[in-house]
Protein backbone atom coordinates (compact mmCIF):
# COMPACT_ATOMS: atom_id res chain seq x y z
CA UNK A 1 5.32 34.69 -6.28
CA UNK A 2 3.51 33.05 -3.40
CA UNK A 3 6.50 31.23 -1.98
CA UNK A 4 7.60 32.46 1.40
CA UNK A 5 11.23 32.97 1.69
CA UNK A 6 12.79 31.86 4.92
CA UNK A 7 12.23 29.91 8.08
CA UNK A 8 11.89 31.42 11.51
CA UNK A 9 14.87 31.65 13.83
CA UNK A 10 13.30 28.97 16.00
CA UNK A 11 12.97 26.57 13.08
CA UNK A 12 16.57 27.13 12.06
CA UNK A 13 17.71 26.59 15.61
CA UNK A 14 15.68 23.39 15.84
CA UNK A 15 17.35 21.94 12.78
CA UNK A 16 20.80 23.35 13.42
CA UNK A 17 22.04 20.22 15.11
CA UNK A 18 21.35 18.22 11.95
CA UNK A 19 23.25 20.56 9.62
CA UNK A 20 26.86 20.25 8.62
CA UNK A 21 29.12 23.26 8.99
CA UNK A 22 29.14 23.71 5.23
CA UNK A 23 25.37 23.88 5.16
CA UNK A 24 25.20 26.22 8.11
CA UNK A 25 27.19 28.67 6.03
CA UNK A 26 24.25 28.71 3.59
CA UNK A 27 20.99 28.33 5.54
CA UNK A 28 17.51 28.91 4.15
CA UNK A 29 17.74 32.09 2.15
CA UNK A 30 15.33 34.41 0.46
CA UNK A 31 14.69 33.89 -3.24
CA UNK A 32 14.64 37.66 -3.53
CA UNK A 33 18.16 37.74 -2.09
CA UNK A 34 19.78 34.67 -3.61
CA UNK A 35 17.81 33.90 -6.75
CA UNK A 36 18.44 37.34 -8.19
CA UNK A 37 22.13 36.51 -8.21
CA UNK A 38 21.34 33.13 -9.75
CA UNK A 39 19.18 34.80 -12.39
CA UNK A 40 22.18 36.70 -13.68
CA UNK A 41 23.66 33.42 -14.81
CA UNK A 42 22.62 31.52 -17.92
CA UNK A 43 20.96 28.22 -17.25
CA UNK A 44 21.43 26.52 -19.67
CA UNK A 45 15.29 4.26 -30.00
CA UNK A 46 13.73 1.83 -27.79
CA UNK A 47 14.44 -1.90 -28.09
CA UNK A 48 11.74 -4.17 -26.67
CA UNK A 49 12.43 -7.59 -25.22
CA UNK A 50 9.27 -9.56 -24.37
CA UNK A 51 10.38 -9.96 -20.76
CA UNK A 52 12.59 -6.97 -20.13
CA UNK A 53 13.02 -3.66 -21.86
CA UNK A 54 15.91 -1.24 -21.77
CA UNK A 55 15.76 2.29 -23.09
CA UNK A 56 18.56 4.70 -23.83
CA UNK A 57 17.72 8.25 -24.78
CA UNK A 58 19.77 11.41 -25.11
CA UNK A 59 18.47 14.48 -23.35
CA UNK A 60 17.67 16.30 -26.55
CA UNK A 61 14.96 13.74 -27.26
CA UNK A 62 11.59 14.79 -25.88
CA UNK A 63 9.79 12.68 -23.33
CA UNK A 64 7.41 11.45 -26.01
CA UNK A 65 10.23 9.43 -27.58
CA UNK A 66 10.04 6.99 -24.68
CA UNK A 67 7.37 4.48 -25.66
CA UNK A 68 6.53 0.87 -24.96
CA UNK A 69 4.88 -1.90 -26.90
CA UNK A 70 4.20 -4.23 -23.99
CA UNK A 71 0.97 -6.19 -24.25
CA UNK A 72 -1.28 -6.47 -21.21
CA UNK A 73 -2.30 -9.73 -19.71
CA UNK A 74 -5.91 -10.58 -20.65
CA UNK A 75 -7.17 -9.85 -17.13
CA UNK A 76 -5.09 -6.70 -16.79
CA UNK A 77 -2.74 -8.04 -14.13
CA UNK A 78 0.97 -8.67 -14.38
CA UNK A 79 1.98 -12.30 -14.24
CA UNK A 80 4.16 -11.49 -11.26
CA UNK A 81 1.16 -10.30 -9.29
CA UNK A 82 -0.31 -13.81 -9.23
CA UNK A 83 2.52 -14.86 -6.94
CA UNK A 84 2.80 -11.52 -5.20
CA UNK A 85 0.57 -12.47 -2.31
CA UNK A 86 2.16 -10.28 0.35
CA UNK A 87 -1.15 -8.51 0.93
CA UNK A 88 0.70 -5.42 2.16
CA UNK A 89 0.59 -1.72 1.41
CA UNK A 90 3.26 -0.92 -1.15
CA UNK A 91 5.59 2.04 -1.26
CA UNK A 92 5.54 3.54 -4.71
CA UNK A 93 9.26 4.09 -5.22
CA UNK A 94 12.66 5.25 -4.09
CA UNK A 95 14.88 8.01 -5.45
CA UNK A 96 18.57 8.88 -5.36
CA UNK A 97 20.65 11.79 -6.63
CA UNK A 98 24.45 12.20 -6.73
CA UNK A 99 26.52 15.28 -7.61
CA UNK A 100 30.27 15.61 -7.82
CA UNK A 101 31.56 12.07 -8.25
CA UNK A 102 33.07 10.71 -11.47
CA UNK A 103 31.47 7.34 -10.66
CA UNK A 104 28.01 8.88 -10.20
CA UNK A 105 26.09 6.32 -12.26
CA UNK A 106 27.72 3.34 -10.54
CA UNK A 107 27.12 4.84 -7.10
CA UNK A 108 23.54 5.50 -8.18
CA UNK A 109 23.24 1.85 -9.21
CA UNK A 110 24.46 0.68 -5.80
CA UNK A 111 22.19 3.10 -3.96
CA UNK A 112 19.21 1.83 -5.94
CA UNK A 113 20.11 -1.70 -4.83
CA UNK A 114 19.82 -0.50 -1.24
CA UNK A 115 16.39 0.98 -2.06
CA UNK A 116 15.18 -2.07 -4.00
CA UNK A 117 12.61 -2.86 -1.28
CA UNK A 118 10.79 0.35 -2.19
CA UNK A 119 10.10 -0.80 -5.74
CA UNK A 120 10.78 -3.95 -7.72
CA UNK A 121 9.00 -3.42 -11.02
CA UNK A 122 11.15 -0.86 -12.77
CA UNK A 123 14.42 1.04 -12.42
CA UNK A 124 16.24 3.82 -14.19
CA UNK A 125 19.25 6.12 -14.07
CA UNK A 126 19.84 9.47 -15.78
CA UNK A 127 23.43 10.70 -15.98
CA UNK A 128 24.74 14.07 -17.16
CA UNK A 129 27.88 14.22 -19.30
CA UNK A 130 29.06 17.16 -21.43
CA UNK A 131 25.74 18.93 -20.77
CA UNK A 132 23.77 16.01 -22.19
CA UNK A 133 21.35 13.94 -20.12
CA UNK A 134 21.40 10.26 -20.99
CA UNK A 135 18.81 7.82 -19.66
CA UNK A 136 18.58 4.07 -19.24
CA UNK A 137 15.33 2.68 -17.85
CA UNK A 138 13.84 -0.78 -17.79
CA UNK A 139 11.33 -3.16 -16.32
CA UNK A 140 12.52 -5.42 -13.52
CA UNK A 141 14.94 -5.35 -10.63
CA UNK A 142 17.94 -3.05 -10.63
CA UNK A 143 20.18 -6.02 -11.46
CA UNK A 144 17.84 -6.95 -14.35
CA UNK A 145 17.99 -3.50 -15.88
CA UNK A 146 21.68 -2.66 -15.47
CA UNK A 147 24.95 -4.41 -16.20
CA UNK A 148 28.52 -3.30 -16.75
CA UNK A 149 28.01 -2.35 -20.38
CA UNK A 150 24.91 -0.31 -19.58
CA UNK A 151 26.68 1.60 -16.82
CA UNK A 152 29.58 2.27 -19.21
CA UNK A 153 27.06 4.22 -21.30
CA UNK A 154 26.37 6.57 -18.38
CA UNK A 155 29.55 8.60 -17.74
CA UNK A 156 29.48 11.85 -15.80
CA UNK A 157 29.59 13.21 -12.28
CA UNK A 158 25.85 13.94 -11.87
CA UNK A 159 23.18 11.23 -11.80
CA UNK A 160 19.69 10.59 -10.52
CA UNK A 161 17.98 7.19 -10.15
CA UNK A 162 14.63 5.66 -9.39
CA UNK A 163 13.10 2.32 -8.44
CA UNK A 164 9.40 1.87 -9.04
CA UNK A 165 6.64 -0.34 -7.72
CA UNK A 166 3.56 -1.13 -9.77
CA UNK A 167 0.76 -3.65 -9.48
CA UNK A 168 0.64 -4.18 -13.23
CA UNK A 169 3.33 -4.72 -15.82
CA UNK A 170 1.39 -3.93 -18.97
CA UNK A 171 2.59 -0.86 -20.90
CA UNK A 172 4.63 0.03 -17.86
CA UNK A 173 7.95 0.97 -19.44
CA UNK A 174 6.90 4.46 -20.42
CA UNK A 175 6.04 5.13 -16.78
CA UNK A 176 9.46 4.02 -15.49
CA UNK A 177 11.43 6.95 -14.15
CA UNK A 178 13.53 9.05 -14.17
CA UNK A 179 11.77 10.96 -16.91
CA UNK A 180 13.87 13.07 -19.26
CA UNK A 181 12.39 15.92 -21.27
CA UNK A 182 13.71 18.84 -23.26
CA UNK A 183 12.17 22.29 -23.32
CA UNK A 184 13.22 25.63 -24.77
CA UNK A 185 15.92 26.34 -22.20
CA UNK A 186 17.50 22.90 -22.04
CA UNK A 187 16.79 19.47 -20.63
CA UNK A 188 15.66 18.15 -17.27
CA UNK A 189 15.40 14.74 -15.64
CA UNK A 190 13.19 14.00 -12.65
CA UNK A 191 12.62 11.12 -10.24
CA UNK A 192 9.60 11.34 -7.93
CA UNK A 193 8.50 9.51 -4.82
CA UNK A 194 4.93 10.26 -3.79
CA UNK A 195 1.55 11.01 -5.30
CA UNK A 196 -0.14 14.24 -6.37
CA UNK A 197 -3.72 14.51 -5.13
CA UNK A 198 -4.66 17.21 -7.66
CA UNK A 199 -3.15 15.35 -10.60
CA UNK A 200 -6.36 15.02 -12.60
CA UNK A 201 -7.24 18.68 -12.25
CA UNK A 202 -3.78 19.84 -13.31
CA UNK A 203 -3.58 17.39 -16.19
CA UNK A 204 -6.98 18.52 -17.47
CA UNK A 205 -5.95 22.17 -17.37
CA UNK A 206 -2.68 21.44 -19.15
CA UNK A 207 -4.39 19.37 -21.85
CA UNK A 208 -6.91 22.15 -22.43
CA UNK A 209 -3.98 24.45 -23.13
CA UNK A 210 -2.43 22.05 -25.61
CA UNK A 211 -0.10 19.88 -23.54
CA UNK A 212 0.33 16.33 -24.84
CA UNK A 213 0.92 13.57 -22.29
CA UNK A 214 2.78 10.41 -23.14
CA UNK A 215 2.53 8.70 -19.75
CA UNK A 216 -0.16 8.31 -17.13
CA UNK A 217 2.23 9.19 -14.30
CA UNK A 218 1.52 12.25 -12.20
CA UNK A 219 5.23 13.07 -12.38
CA UNK A 220 4.84 14.13 -15.99
CA UNK A 221 2.57 16.95 -14.82
CA UNK A 222 5.53 18.45 -12.98
CA UNK A 223 7.61 18.45 -16.17
CA UNK A 224 4.84 20.20 -18.08
CA UNK A 225 4.48 22.83 -15.36
CA UNK A 226 8.22 23.48 -15.51
CA UNK A 227 8.16 23.71 -19.30
CA UNK A 228 5.33 26.27 -19.45
CA UNK A 229 6.72 28.41 -16.64
CA UNK A 230 8.10 31.76 -17.73
CA UNK A 231 10.23 32.13 -14.62
CA UNK A 232 14.00 32.33 -14.86
CA UNK A 233 16.28 30.73 -13.74
CA UNK A 234 15.42 27.02 -13.66
CA UNK A 235 15.13 26.95 -9.89
CA UNK A 236 12.28 29.43 -10.01
CA UNK A 237 10.52 27.17 -12.51
CA UNK A 238 10.62 24.34 -9.97
CA UNK A 239 9.34 26.65 -7.25
CA UNK A 240 6.50 27.84 -9.47
CA UNK A 241 5.56 24.27 -10.43
CA UNK A 242 5.57 23.12 -6.81
CA UNK A 243 3.27 25.96 -5.83
CA UNK A 244 0.62 24.38 -8.07
CA UNK A 245 0.93 20.73 -7.08
CA UNK A 246 -0.59 19.24 -3.94
CA UNK A 247 0.08 15.99 -2.14
CA UNK A 248 3.22 14.00 -1.47
CA UNK A 249 6.43 14.53 -3.37
CA UNK A 250 10.08 13.96 -2.66
CA UNK A 251 11.82 14.66 -5.97
CA UNK A 252 15.30 14.94 -7.41
CA UNK A 253 15.93 16.89 -10.62
CA UNK A 254 18.98 16.84 -12.89
CA UNK A 255 19.80 19.62 -15.35
CA UNK A 256 22.91 20.17 -17.42
CA UNK A 257 24.74 21.60 -14.39
CA UNK A 258 22.60 21.20 -11.28
CA UNK A 259 21.14 18.60 -8.93
CA UNK A 260 17.97 19.80 -7.19
CA UNK A 261 16.10 18.06 -4.37
CA UNK A 262 12.58 19.05 -3.32
CA UNK A 263 10.29 17.86 -0.54
CA UNK A 264 6.62 18.75 -0.15
CA UNK A 265 5.56 21.10 2.67
CA UNK A 266 4.09 18.27 4.75
CA UNK A 267 7.11 16.00 4.36
CA UNK A 268 4.98 12.92 3.68
CA UNK A 269 7.76 10.90 2.07
CA UNK A 270 11.35 10.76 3.31
CA UNK A 271 14.36 12.34 1.64
CA UNK A 272 17.81 12.59 3.23
CA UNK A 273 21.07 14.24 2.34
CA UNK A 274 24.61 12.94 2.82
CA UNK A 275 28.13 13.53 1.66
CA UNK A 276 30.96 11.25 0.54
CA UNK A 277 34.53 11.74 1.66
CA UNK A 278 35.42 13.31 -1.71
CA UNK A 279 32.75 15.99 -1.20
CA UNK A 280 30.12 14.44 -3.48
CA UNK A 281 26.59 15.27 -2.32
CA UNK A 282 24.02 12.48 -2.19
CA UNK A 283 20.23 12.54 -1.79
CA UNK A 284 18.28 9.34 -1.16
CA UNK A 285 14.94 8.12 0.12
CA UNK A 286 16.61 6.30 3.03
CA UNK A 287 19.88 6.41 4.95
CA UNK A 288 20.56 2.75 4.09
CA UNK A 289 21.42 3.95 0.56
CA UNK A 290 23.92 6.44 2.00
CA UNK A 291 25.49 3.69 4.09
CA UNK A 292 26.02 1.41 1.12
CA UNK A 293 27.92 4.00 -0.92
CA UNK A 294 29.86 5.27 2.12
CA UNK A 295 28.18 8.65 2.32
CA UNK A 296 27.83 10.26 5.74
CA UNK A 297 24.31 11.24 6.73
CA UNK A 298 24.02 14.98 7.27
CA UNK A 299 20.33 15.77 7.58
CA UNK A 300 16.86 15.42 6.14
CA UNK A 301 15.72 17.60 3.31
CA UNK A 302 13.24 19.61 5.34
CA UNK A 303 9.53 19.74 4.50
CA UNK A 304 8.96 22.53 2.00
CA UNK A 305 12.67 22.85 1.18
CA UNK A 306 14.45 23.10 -2.17
CA UNK A 307 18.16 22.19 -2.10
CA UNK A 308 20.33 23.10 -5.09
CA UNK A 309 23.76 21.56 -5.66
CA UNK A 310 26.08 22.89 -8.35
CA UNK A 311 29.69 23.99 -8.76
CA UNK A 312 29.10 26.78 -6.23
CA UNK A 313 28.16 24.30 -3.51
CA UNK A 314 24.93 23.57 -1.65
CA UNK A 315 22.23 26.20 -1.39
CA UNK A 316 18.76 25.98 0.09
CA UNK A 317 15.49 27.87 0.06
CA UNK A 318 12.12 27.44 1.71
CA UNK A 319 9.67 26.50 -1.03
CA UNK A 320 6.62 27.73 0.86
CA UNK A 321 5.50 28.11 4.45
CA UNK A 322 5.03 24.57 5.65
CA UNK A 323 2.40 23.51 8.16
CA UNK A 324 2.99 20.93 10.84
CA UNK A 325 4.80 18.01 9.17
CA UNK A 326 2.75 14.88 8.43
CA UNK A 327 5.38 12.25 7.79
CA UNK A 328 4.16 8.77 6.85
CA UNK A 329 4.12 6.57 9.96
CA UNK A 330 4.16 3.47 7.75
CA UNK A 331 7.79 4.16 6.92
CA UNK A 332 8.52 3.04 10.48
CA UNK A 333 5.95 0.25 10.49
CA UNK A 334 6.76 -1.42 7.18
CA UNK A 335 8.36 0.43 4.25
CA UNK A 336 11.83 1.40 5.38
CA UNK A 337 14.66 -1.02 6.11
CA UNK A 338 15.39 -1.54 9.83
CA UNK A 339 18.91 -0.15 9.42
CA UNK A 340 17.61 3.20 8.17
CA UNK A 341 17.05 6.40 10.11
CA UNK A 342 13.77 7.89 8.86
CA UNK A 343 12.33 11.23 9.99
CA UNK A 344 15.13 11.42 12.53
CA UNK A 345 14.25 8.10 14.21
CA UNK A 346 15.81 4.65 14.02
CA UNK A 347 13.42 2.31 12.23
CA UNK A 348 14.83 -0.65 14.17
CA UNK A 349 14.18 0.99 17.54
CA UNK A 350 10.66 1.97 16.50
CA UNK A 351 9.71 -1.57 15.47
CA UNK A 352 11.27 -3.13 18.54
CA UNK A 353 9.25 -0.72 20.69
CA UNK A 354 6.06 -1.63 18.81
CA UNK A 355 6.62 -5.27 19.76
CA UNK A 356 7.29 -4.38 23.38
CA UNK A 357 4.02 -2.43 23.54
CA UNK A 358 2.10 -5.44 22.18
CA UNK A 359 3.68 -7.71 24.79
CA UNK A 360 2.69 -5.28 27.53
CA UNK A 361 -0.83 -4.44 26.38
CA UNK A 362 -1.87 -7.71 24.71
CA UNK A 363 -0.05 -10.49 26.60
CA UNK A 364 -0.93 -14.14 26.15
CA UNK A 365 0.40 -17.40 27.56
CA UNK A 366 2.70 -18.83 24.91
CA UNK A 367 5.71 -21.07 24.37
CA UNK A 368 7.40 -19.37 21.44
CA UNK A 369 7.32 -16.07 19.53
CA UNK A 370 7.81 -16.10 15.76
CA UNK A 371 7.63 -13.45 13.04
CA UNK A 372 6.20 -13.17 9.57
CA UNK A 373 9.49 -12.48 7.75
CA UNK A 374 10.97 -10.12 7.04
CA UNK A 375 9.00 -7.07 8.13
CA UNK A 376 7.69 -8.59 11.38
CA UNK A 377 11.06 -9.76 12.72
CA UNK A 378 12.16 -6.72 14.72
CA UNK A 379 8.75 -6.25 16.35
CA UNK A 380 8.74 -9.97 17.21
CA UNK A 381 12.15 -9.60 18.86
CA UNK A 382 10.75 -6.77 20.95
CA UNK A 383 7.70 -8.80 21.91
CA UNK A 384 9.76 -11.85 22.88
CA UNK A 385 12.23 -9.85 24.98
CA UNK A 386 9.46 -8.06 26.85
CA UNK A 387 7.42 -11.22 27.37
CA UNK A 388 10.43 -13.31 28.40
CA UNK A 389 9.59 -15.94 25.80
CA UNK A 390 12.11 -17.31 23.27
CA UNK A 391 12.05 -15.94 19.74
CA UNK A 392 12.53 -18.58 17.06
CA UNK A 393 12.27 -18.84 13.30
CA UNK A 394 8.98 -20.61 12.88
CA UNK A 395 8.54 -19.41 9.29
CA UNK A 396 11.34 -19.52 6.74
CA UNK A 397 11.07 -17.16 3.82
CA UNK A 398 12.23 -18.27 0.39
CA UNK A 399 14.36 -15.58 -1.25
CA UNK A 400 14.19 -17.31 -4.62
CA UNK A 401 10.55 -16.84 -5.51
CA UNK A 402 11.01 -14.37 -8.33
CA UNK A 403 9.11 -13.43 -11.40
CA UNK A 404 7.30 -16.03 -13.43
CA UNK A 405 5.91 -15.57 -16.89
CA UNK A 406 3.86 -18.76 -16.74
CA UNK A 407 0.25 -17.87 -16.20
CA UNK A 408 -0.86 -19.99 -13.24
CA UNK A 409 -4.20 -21.67 -12.79
CA UNK A 410 -6.28 -20.84 -9.74
CA UNK A 411 -5.19 -24.08 -8.08
CA UNK A 412 -1.54 -23.12 -8.46
CA UNK A 413 -2.21 -19.57 -7.26
CA UNK A 414 -3.39 -20.99 -3.94
CA UNK A 415 0.18 -22.11 -3.28
CA UNK A 416 1.41 -18.49 -3.32
CA UNK A 417 2.02 -18.24 0.42
CA UNK A 418 3.62 -21.70 0.61
CA UNK A 419 6.04 -20.70 -2.13
CA UNK A 420 7.25 -17.81 0.01
CA UNK A 421 6.87 -19.05 3.59
CA UNK A 422 7.70 -22.50 4.93
CA UNK A 423 6.76 -23.50 8.50
CA UNK A 424 9.34 -25.17 10.77
CA UNK A 425 7.55 -28.10 12.40
CA UNK A 426 10.25 -28.57 15.05
CA UNK A 427 9.58 -25.04 16.33
CA UNK A 428 5.79 -25.17 16.09
CA UNK A 429 4.56 -28.66 16.90
CA UNK A 430 2.55 -28.76 20.10
CA UNK A 431 3.39 -25.15 20.92
CA UNK A 432 1.34 -22.10 21.79
CA UNK A 433 2.66 -19.66 19.20
CA UNK A 434 2.59 -15.87 19.06
CA UNK A 435 3.16 -14.73 15.48
CA UNK A 436 3.99 -11.06 14.94
CA UNK A 437 3.28 -9.26 11.67
CA UNK A 438 3.52 -5.60 10.76
CA UNK A 439 -0.02 -5.12 9.41
CA UNK A 440 -3.19 -6.73 8.09
CA UNK A 441 -4.64 -5.32 4.89
CA UNK A 442 -7.18 -7.64 3.25
CA UNK A 443 -6.60 -10.50 5.67
CA UNK A 444 -6.12 -13.12 2.97
CA UNK A 445 -2.45 -13.76 3.68
CA UNK A 446 -2.96 -13.74 7.45
CA UNK A 447 -5.58 -16.47 7.19
CA UNK A 448 -3.24 -18.60 5.06
CA UNK A 449 -0.38 -18.12 7.52
CA UNK A 450 -2.55 -19.20 10.45
CA UNK A 451 -3.60 -22.27 8.52
CA UNK A 452 0.03 -23.07 7.65
CA UNK A 453 1.07 -22.87 11.29
CA UNK A 454 -1.75 -25.07 12.51
CA UNK A 455 -1.12 -27.62 9.77
CA UNK A 456 2.49 -27.71 11.00
CA UNK A 457 1.29 -28.71 14.45
CA UNK A 458 0.90 -25.43 16.35
CA UNK A 459 -1.41 -25.97 19.31
CA UNK A 460 -2.52 -22.32 19.42
CA UNK A 461 -1.82 -19.38 17.11
CA UNK A 462 -2.03 -15.85 18.52
CA UNK A 463 -1.65 -13.02 16.01
CA UNK A 464 -0.08 -9.74 17.13
CA UNK A 465 -0.04 -6.86 14.65
CA UNK A 466 2.56 -4.11 15.09
CA UNK A 467 0.33 -1.35 13.72
CA UNK A 468 -3.19 -0.04 14.34
CA UNK A 469 -5.98 -1.34 12.07
CA UNK A 470 -5.85 0.09 8.54
CA UNK A 471 -9.30 1.47 7.73
CA UNK A 472 -8.67 4.00 4.93
CA UNK A 473 -6.81 4.27 1.63
CA UNK A 474 -3.65 6.33 1.28
CA UNK A 475 -3.38 9.07 -1.36
CA UNK A 476 0.19 10.09 -0.60
CA UNK A 477 2.36 7.61 -2.46
CA UNK A 478 1.33 4.28 -0.94
CA UNK A 479 -0.54 1.60 -2.85
CA UNK A 480 -3.44 0.54 -0.65
CA UNK A 481 -6.69 -1.09 -1.70
CA UNK A 482 -9.95 0.83 -1.67
CA UNK A 483 -11.47 1.19 1.78
CA UNK A 484 -14.11 -1.43 1.03
CA UNK A 485 -11.34 -4.01 0.54
CA UNK A 486 -9.65 -3.25 3.86
CA UNK A 487 -10.69 -5.91 6.34
CA UNK A 488 -10.39 -3.61 9.37
CA UNK A 489 -12.77 -1.19 7.71
CA UNK A 490 -15.43 -3.89 7.40
CA UNK A 491 -14.95 -6.01 10.51
CA UNK A 492 -14.31 -5.67 14.21
CA UNK A 493 -11.17 -7.18 15.72
CA UNK A 494 -13.13 -10.23 16.86
CA UNK A 495 -14.64 -10.69 13.41
CA UNK A 496 -11.17 -10.48 11.85
CA UNK A 497 -9.91 -13.06 14.36
CA UNK A 498 -12.67 -15.45 13.32
CA UNK A 499 -11.97 -14.79 9.64
CA UNK A 500 -8.23 -15.54 9.83
CA UNK A 501 -8.74 -18.43 12.24
CA UNK A 502 -6.34 -17.37 15.01
CA UNK A 503 -6.93 -18.10 18.70
CA UNK A 504 -6.47 -14.43 19.55
CA UNK A 505 -5.72 -11.20 17.72
CA UNK A 506 -4.47 -7.81 18.87
CA UNK A 507 -3.36 -4.64 17.08
CA UNK A 508 -1.00 -1.93 18.27
CA UNK A 509 -3.25 0.65 20.01
CA UNK A 510 -2.96 4.03 18.31
CA UNK A 511 -2.98 5.73 21.71
CA UNK A 512 0.12 3.75 22.66
CA UNK A 513 1.73 4.60 19.33
CA UNK A 514 1.18 8.30 20.00
CA UNK A 515 2.56 7.95 23.52
CA UNK A 516 5.69 6.26 22.18
CA UNK A 517 6.26 9.03 19.65
CA UNK A 518 5.81 11.64 22.37
CA UNK A 519 6.13 15.24 21.24
CA UNK A 520 6.73 14.05 17.65
CA UNK A 521 3.36 12.30 17.42
CA UNK A 522 1.60 15.27 15.81
CA UNK A 523 4.19 15.38 13.03
CA UNK A 524 3.12 12.01 11.59
CA UNK A 525 0.29 11.16 9.19
CA UNK A 526 -2.21 8.56 10.44
CA UNK A 527 -4.73 8.88 7.60
CA UNK A 528 -4.74 5.13 6.92
CA UNK A 529 -5.76 4.53 10.56
CA UNK A 530 -8.31 7.33 10.86
CA UNK A 531 -9.49 8.51 7.44
CA UNK A 532 -8.51 12.04 8.42
CA UNK A 533 -6.46 13.34 5.48
CA UNK A 534 -3.98 16.21 5.95
CA UNK A 535 -4.40 17.25 2.29
CA UNK A 536 -7.84 16.77 0.82
CA UNK A 537 -7.85 14.98 -2.54
CA UNK A 538 -9.32 17.11 -5.32
CA UNK A 539 -12.11 15.28 -7.14
CA UNK A 540 -11.18 11.75 -8.09
CA UNK A 541 -7.66 10.70 -7.25
CA UNK A 542 -6.01 7.74 -8.91
CA UNK A 543 -4.82 4.91 -6.73
CA UNK A 544 -1.12 4.22 -7.14
CA UNK A 545 -1.62 0.76 -8.57
CA UNK A 546 -4.64 1.38 -10.76
CA UNK A 547 -4.66 1.04 -14.52
CA UNK A 548 -4.16 4.73 -15.23
CA UNK A 549 -0.88 4.79 -13.33
CA UNK A 550 0.33 1.76 -15.20
CA UNK A 551 -0.21 3.10 -18.67
CA UNK A 552 -3.31 1.20 -19.72
CA UNK A 553 -5.86 3.06 -21.74
CA UNK A 554 -9.00 4.11 -19.97
CA UNK A 555 -11.22 7.03 -19.12
CA UNK A 556 -9.97 9.15 -16.24
CA UNK A 557 -13.47 9.29 -14.78
CA UNK A 558 -13.64 5.52 -14.45
CA UNK A 559 -10.70 5.34 -12.05
CA UNK A 560 -11.55 3.36 -8.93
CA UNK A 561 -10.62 5.41 -5.91
CA UNK A 562 -10.86 9.10 -5.50
CA UNK A 563 -13.60 10.57 -3.40
CA UNK A 564 -13.06 9.91 0.25
CA UNK A 565 -15.18 6.78 0.73
CA UNK A 566 -18.02 6.58 3.17
CA UNK A 567 -17.98 3.33 5.11
CA UNK A 568 -19.01 1.54 8.24
CA UNK A 569 -15.80 2.46 10.05
CA UNK A 570 -14.80 5.77 8.45
CA UNK A 571 -17.61 8.03 9.59
CA UNK A 572 -18.98 10.75 7.36
CA UNK A 573 -18.19 13.24 10.09
CA UNK A 574 -14.51 12.58 9.40
CA UNK A 575 -15.03 13.23 5.70
CA UNK A 576 -16.85 16.47 6.48
CA UNK A 577 -14.06 17.48 8.82
CA UNK A 578 -11.52 16.93 6.06
CA UNK A 579 -13.54 18.87 3.50
CA UNK A 580 -14.00 21.87 5.75
CA UNK A 581 -10.48 21.94 7.20
């Protein structure tokens, strides 16, 4: 087995301060030492509503029982996407796992509420009771999918949950996690946050050997790899599967008697561990989920770590030797909630510092500082404090623009931004306004916001962006457009300023970002700002939001995305560097 067994003394010492006393009793251990003792033990129909679908399935049903009869929109887009004009990168999903609490499914439900910002298109919970895994999944928000009667159907003290983001709603139900599958030694449920860059290659090899896929999600590949593994016990099957997959994955698994959490060797996506006062162990994508269910944060699941929770307690192994971590910097820029601690740093403090840097390095004479809510608010507060200019709410966000199943005309679509953001004329009229946003992707929303502000009487509009320019697609669990669609990949800063119509425009300098992060700067991934990918995609790689991921039929070779794109801003030398690294 290629997995290396333990961390160095220095690595353990580095992380010791984050570990609880109970975990320090069981640090990283060798599979040859601990798994041999584990090996001695024995491991052990859908109803479719046109707008919302709920599934319940017992664990003994194979994954292929979970099907959907949703019909795609004629143009292949979900109706919701017509009004979803945020023009932002999207996090694929959020995961949670709970062991040792009789209210596991309800706690899971609450934790998923806290992670709702990470995915709004689908949600699911798998609960274990009497050695049977039962699943409820559905399309929509957590509150759409679950109610009291549904949660009553999920008894047990072990549960995992998932919220999912997708750009399309057609045939999506079968891709809503957690997935549950049975194989010869029992049943397993899995919830995955991330994206596998060698998904196509692995799926092709599995299909050649007779595997049948029911979904287009890369997560199903992991289940197949577990099922065909000859390793015993189950933990070794996970280790063996993870040795074959590449890319970003923070996963939680549920078996008849175990909760297992795994994080990829680079630690692209976050995964934290906490504990409730009754001893229940909780894993979640962000600490805000721990806070909501009154679980105390203990530590991160380390890059390359497998954590197993069962009746014997918490045990941990090193999955494989991990290189320098490459955690996603966009968690601090946009994805995570400000009240979360991600990768050991306060998201709120990071965003406030981003705003302060912009005020220092890109100052402008102004009368008021406003934010594009909600993700630009903390950075705007930092900018205003540093600049000594009042922060005010110049844009009010409507929290009631939800899903619509009325197909809009193009004229109505143009009102998308106005439906979500309303300017406050009393704040803006006759003023020189600095407006702070977290990022610019295509530039379409930014141009509409500038126009809104000027129509409301703003004398000048100065855009300040609390991230460097995004010039490359992400392959590690973030839905970004192709590089050709990214405005910063096609235009200079001045050209973007002219396009969006602002009086000035400035981005957060990446050098200043690195300086702020200090000694931690090398442990973050900046691929979307540089095109330099820590893990090279193998062949064509699906984009998170493309049709294959959302269950529509299509040829794998026709997926838009994949090969690292050559472009005017991402030089071929960078691509060559990635391919030879």
